[in-house]
Amino acid sequence: MRQIVLDTETTGLEPSQGHRIIEIGCVEVIDRRLTGNNFHQYLQPDREIDQAAVDVHGITNEFLADKPRFGDVVADFIDYIRGAELVIHNAPFDVGFIQHELRELGGWDELGAYCGWIDTLALAKKMHPGQRNSLDALCKRYEINNSHRELHGALLDAEILADVYLAMTGGQTTLLLGGGGEEGETDGAFGVRRLPAGGAPLPVILADEQALRAHEARLDAIDQASGGSIWRK
């Protein structure tokens, strides 16, 4: 199953007031494995960014002056998410902005024609009713390290949300990350120890004759006590 953990940063809160997307960050997860095949793009919005938004993400108009517009990257973005399930925290916000951008361009279908999505905020509210379920609160609850998150950022938040989502849904995170890491390194919500990339295969140790005889003796005892062990059926 291919999932894309997605986050955006914007010029403000309401696309109906002309606000635009200024950053898209996506993290690819296939069969619960972080692949490293991510999508990240800053965008020129052709409008001023609200100061309240700058205070949240730190992105300025000066920084975005030479960046492409949404229309310049939309084909690559749609190709990247096509057929996947998006994983988004507070999905109505990000989906609403993406839908608005597609409509403004014209010539593109609604987002649902290309992919589906799930809302991790709605999921968290079901799992933890009456509790705080912001991304920071979930990081604390699931022991995800977000100490490097001083400001919001689309790719950074998508990376953190990927760890949170895998922890929320009962999966391991960095153990499944295809890629390096030093031997003995631990990371993620469960302190998983990562094996070195390209290391020797793990040894397979077969039972010797003594172990096999002990096993058969144990099964004989189980047969006598229970009338038949399931291992011999």
Protein backbone atom coordinates (compact mmCIF):
# COMPACT_ATOMS: atom_id res chain seq x y z
CA MET A 1 0.00 0.00 0.00
CA ARG A 2 1.40 3.40 -0.99
CA GLN A 3 0.72 6.30 1.37
CA ILE A 4 1.92 9.88 1.15
CA VAL A 5 2.18 11.83 4.40
CA LEU A 6 1.50 15.43 3.36
CA ASP A 7 1.63 18.89 4.88
CA THR A 8 1.42 22.41 3.49
CA GLU A 9 2.30 25.91 4.63
CA THR A 10 0.21 28.82 3.41
CA THR A 11 0.00 32.61 3.29
CA GLY A 12 -2.99 32.58 5.66
CA LEU A 13 -5.92 30.54 6.84
CA GLU A 14 -8.64 30.92 4.19
CA PRO A 15 -8.31 30.10 0.49
CA SER A 16 -11.65 31.84 0.00
CA GLN A 17 -9.84 35.07 0.92
CA GLY A 18 -7.20 34.50 -1.75
CA HIS A 19 -4.61 32.80 0.43
CA ARG A 20 -2.22 30.41 -1.31
CA ILE A 21 0.05 27.45 -0.68
CA ILE A 22 3.71 28.40 -0.27
CA GLU A 23 5.24 25.05 0.69
CA ILE A 24 4.32 21.41 0.03
CA GLY A 25 6.08 18.58 1.85
CA CYS A 26 5.40 14.89 1.21
CA VAL A 27 6.90 11.70 2.66
CA GLU A 28 6.36 8.41 0.85
CA VAL A 29 5.44 5.29 2.86
CA ILE A 30 5.03 1.96 1.07
CA ASP A 31 3.77 -1.01 3.09
CA ARG A 32 4.64 0.97 6.25
CA ARG A 33 8.20 1.54 5.08
CA LEU A 34 9.62 5.05 4.76
CA THR A 35 11.20 4.98 1.30
CA GLY A 36 13.05 8.31 1.27
CA ASN A 37 11.30 9.19 -2.02
CA ASN A 38 9.94 12.52 -0.77
CA PHE A 39 8.47 15.54 -2.56
CA HIS A 40 9.27 19.06 -1.37
CA GLN A 41 8.60 22.39 -3.03
CA TYR A 42 8.47 26.05 -2.00
CA LEU A 43 6.05 28.15 -4.08
CA GLN A 44 5.72 31.80 -5.11
CA PRO A 45 2.19 32.87 -4.06
CA ASP A 46 1.99 36.22 -5.88
CA ARG A 47 0.57 37.87 -2.75
CA GLU A 48 1.72 39.02 0.65
CA ILE A 49 2.01 36.49 3.45
CA ASP A 50 0.09 37.36 6.62
CA GLN A 51 2.44 38.25 9.46
CA ALA A 52 0.66 35.76 11.71
CA ALA A 53 1.53 33.03 9.21
CA VAL A 54 5.17 34.17 9.01
CA ASP A 55 5.33 33.92 12.80
CA VAL A 56 4.27 30.26 12.53
CA HIS A 57 6.47 29.02 9.66
CA GLY A 58 9.08 31.74 9.18
CA ILE A 59 8.70 31.82 5.38
CA THR A 60 8.88 35.31 3.86
CA ASN A 61 7.96 36.81 0.49
CA GLU A 62 11.64 37.66 -0.04
CA PHE A 63 12.60 34.00 0.32
CA LEU A 64 9.89 32.93 -2.15
CA ALA A 65 10.64 35.60 -4.77
CA ASP A 66 12.51 33.23 -7.12
CA LYS A 67 10.47 30.09 -6.42
CA PRO A 68 8.15 28.45 -8.99
CA ARG A 69 4.38 28.88 -8.91
CA PHE A 70 1.94 26.06 -8.19
CA GLY A 71 1.11 25.79 -11.89
CA ASP A 72 4.78 25.13 -12.65
CA VAL A 73 4.92 22.05 -10.41
CA VAL A 74 1.33 20.77 -10.45
CA ALA A 75 1.98 18.03 -13.03
CA ASP A 76 4.89 16.64 -11.01
CA PHE A 77 2.88 16.88 -7.80
CA ILE A 78 -0.15 15.06 -9.23
CA ASP A 79 2.07 12.36 -10.74
CA TYR A 80 3.70 11.90 -7.33
CA ILE A 81 0.45 11.50 -5.36
CA ARG A 82 -1.55 9.68 -8.05
CA GLY A 83 -3.11 6.46 -6.75
CA ALA A 84 -1.82 6.94 -3.21
CA GLU A 85 -3.61 7.49 0.09
CA LEU A 86 -2.70 10.86 1.59
CA VAL A 87 -2.13 10.99 5.35
CA ILE A 88 -2.82 14.52 6.60
CA HIS A 89 -3.23 16.07 10.04
CA ASN A 90 -6.38 18.20 9.87
CA ALA A 91 -7.02 17.13 6.29
CA PRO A 92 -9.83 19.62 5.49
CA PHE A 93 -7.32 22.48 5.76
CA ASP A 94 -4.68 21.11 3.37
CA VAL A 95 -7.16 19.46 1.02
CA GLY A 96 -9.16 22.70 0.84
CA PHE A 97 -6.07 24.65 -0.21
CA ILE A 98 -5.01 22.06 -2.80
CA GLN A 99 -8.54 21.97 -4.25
CA HIS A 100 -8.50 25.77 -4.46
CA GLU A 101 -5.16 25.79 -6.30
CA LEU A 102 -6.40 23.19 -8.79
CA ARG A 103 -9.60 25.12 -9.46
CA GLU A 104 -7.71 28.38 -9.93
CA LEU A 105 -5.50 26.77 -12.56
CA GLY A 106 -8.35 25.12 -14.44
CA GLY A 107 -7.96 21.98 -16.51
CA TRP A 108 -7.51 19.72 -13.47
CA ASP A 109 -9.97 17.40 -11.77
CA GLU A 110 -10.81 17.52 -8.08
CA LEU A 111 -8.12 16.07 -5.82
CA GLY A 112 -10.24 12.98 -5.12
CA ALA A 113 -9.90 11.95 -8.76
CA TYR A 114 -6.19 11.36 -8.21
CA CYS A 115 -5.95 9.99 -4.67
CA GLY A 116 -7.76 9.36 -1.40
CA TRP A 117 -6.86 10.65 2.04
CA ILE A 118 -7.26 10.06 5.76
CA ASP A 119 -7.26 12.64 8.55
CA THR A 120 -4.93 11.79 11.44
CA LEU A 121 -6.53 14.51 13.58
CA ALA A 122 -9.93 12.81 13.28
CA LEU A 123 -8.26 9.45 13.96
CA ALA A 124 -6.50 10.83 17.05
CA LYS A 125 -9.75 12.28 18.40
CA LYS A 126 -11.36 8.85 18.17
CA MET A 127 -8.39 7.18 19.83
CA HIS A 128 -7.88 9.85 22.51
CA PRO A 129 -11.24 11.59 23.10
CA GLY A 130 -11.16 14.68 25.27
CA GLN A 131 -7.38 15.04 25.00
CA ARG A 132 -5.14 17.43 23.09
CA ASN A 133 -4.40 15.99 19.67
CA SER A 134 -2.18 18.56 18.02
CA LEU A 135 0.92 17.22 16.30
CA ASP A 136 3.07 18.39 19.22
CA ALA A 137 0.73 16.70 21.72
CA LEU A 138 0.84 13.44 19.74
CA CYS A 139 4.63 13.59 19.59
CA LYS A 140 4.70 13.81 23.38
CA ARG A 141 2.14 11.01 23.77
CA TYR A 142 3.98 8.64 21.43
CA GLU A 143 7.49 9.74 22.46
CA ILE A 144 8.42 11.07 19.02
CA ASN A 145 11.38 13.45 19.18
CA ASN A 146 10.35 16.82 17.75
CA SER A 147 12.85 18.97 19.63
CA HIS A 148 14.24 20.22 16.29
CA ARG A 149 10.84 21.72 15.37
CA GLU A 150 11.21 25.38 16.32
CA LEU A 151 8.99 26.59 13.47
CA HIS A 152 6.43 24.80 11.33
CA GLY A 153 7.66 23.50 7.96
CA ALA A 154 5.77 21.35 5.48
CA LEU A 155 8.44 18.70 4.92
CA LEU A 156 9.57 18.68 8.56
CA ASP A 157 5.98 18.33 9.79
CA ALA A 158 5.28 15.58 7.24
CA GLU A 159 8.35 13.66 8.45
CA ILE A 160 7.22 14.00 12.07
CA LEU A 161 3.63 13.06 11.18
CA ALA A 162 4.89 9.93 9.40
CA ASP A 163 6.51 8.76 12.65
CA VAL A 164 3.40 9.70 14.64
CA TYR A 165 1.04 7.94 12.24
CA LEU A 166 3.05 4.70 12.26
CA ALA A 167 3.17 4.82 16.06
CA MET A 168 -0.56 5.56 16.32
CA THR A 169 -1.44 2.65 14.09
CA GLY A 170 0.81 0.21 15.90
CA GLY A 171 3.78 0.10 13.56
CA GLN A 172 7.50 0.51 13.90
CA THR A 173 9.19 3.46 12.25
CA THR A 174 12.94 3.66 11.76
CA LEU A 175 13.42 -0.11 11.77
CA LEU A 176 11.62 -0.08 8.43
CA LEU A 177 13.47 2.89 6.96
CA GLY A 178 15.39 1.76 3.92
CA GLY A 179 18.82 3.25 4.35
CA GLY A 180 21.81 3.62 6.57
CA GLY A 181 22.28 4.46 10.17
CA GLU A 182 25.21 3.43 12.29
CA GLU A 183 25.31 0.06 13.95
CA GLY A 184 23.70 0.21 17.36
CA GLU A 185 21.84 3.45 16.56
CA THR A 186 18.35 3.75 17.98
CA ASP A 187 15.59 6.04 16.88
CA GLY A 188 11.82 6.50 16.68
CA ALA A 189 9.02 5.93 19.14
CA PHE A 190 10.16 2.49 20.25
CA GLY A 191 13.93 2.85 20.47
CA VAL A 192 14.40 0.36 17.62
CA ARG A 193 17.98 -0.75 17.01
CA ARG A 194 18.88 -0.41 13.34
CA LEU A 195 21.23 -2.88 11.67
CA PRO A 196 24.02 -1.44 9.51
CA ALA A 197 23.26 -1.22 5.80
CA GLY A 198 25.10 -3.76 3.69
CA GLY A 199 26.07 -5.88 6.67
CA ALA A 200 26.60 -9.62 6.64
CA PRO A 201 23.46 -11.81 6.64
CA LEU A 202 22.22 -12.88 10.04
CA PRO A 203 23.39 -16.39 10.92
CA VAL A 204 20.83 -19.22 10.90
CA ILE A 205 21.54 -21.70 13.73
CA LEU A 206 19.84 -25.07 13.31
CA ALA A 207 18.95 -27.33 16.21
CA ASP A 208 21.52 -30.08 16.87
CA GLU A 209 20.71 -33.72 17.62
CA GLN A 210 20.60 -33.14 21.38
CA ALA A 211 18.11 -30.29 20.98
CA LEU A 212 15.95 -32.35 18.62
CA ARG A 213 15.86 -35.28 21.08
CA ALA A 214 14.91 -32.93 23.91
CA HIS A 215 12.13 -31.47 21.75
CA GLU A 216 10.74 -34.93 20.95
CA ALA A 217 10.85 -35.88 24.64
CA ARG A 218 8.90 -32.73 25.50
CA LEU A 219 6.27 -33.56 22.88
CA ASP A 220 5.99 -37.10 24.29
CA ALA A 221 5.27 -35.62 27.71
CA ILE A 222 2.63 -33.28 26.25
CA ASP A 223 1.03 -36.21 24.39
CA GLN A 224 0.82 -38.24 27.58
CA ALA A 225 -0.67 -35.38 29.59
CA SER A 226 -3.11 -34.07 26.99
CA GLY A 227 -3.84 -36.95 24.68
CA GLY A 228 -2.04 -35.45 21.71
CA SER A 229 -0.02 -32.30 20.98
CA ILE A 230 -1.03 -30.04 18.11
CA TRP A 231 2.57 -29.98 16.80
CA ARG A 232 2.26 -33.60 15.67
CA LYS A 233 -1.11 -33.21 13.96
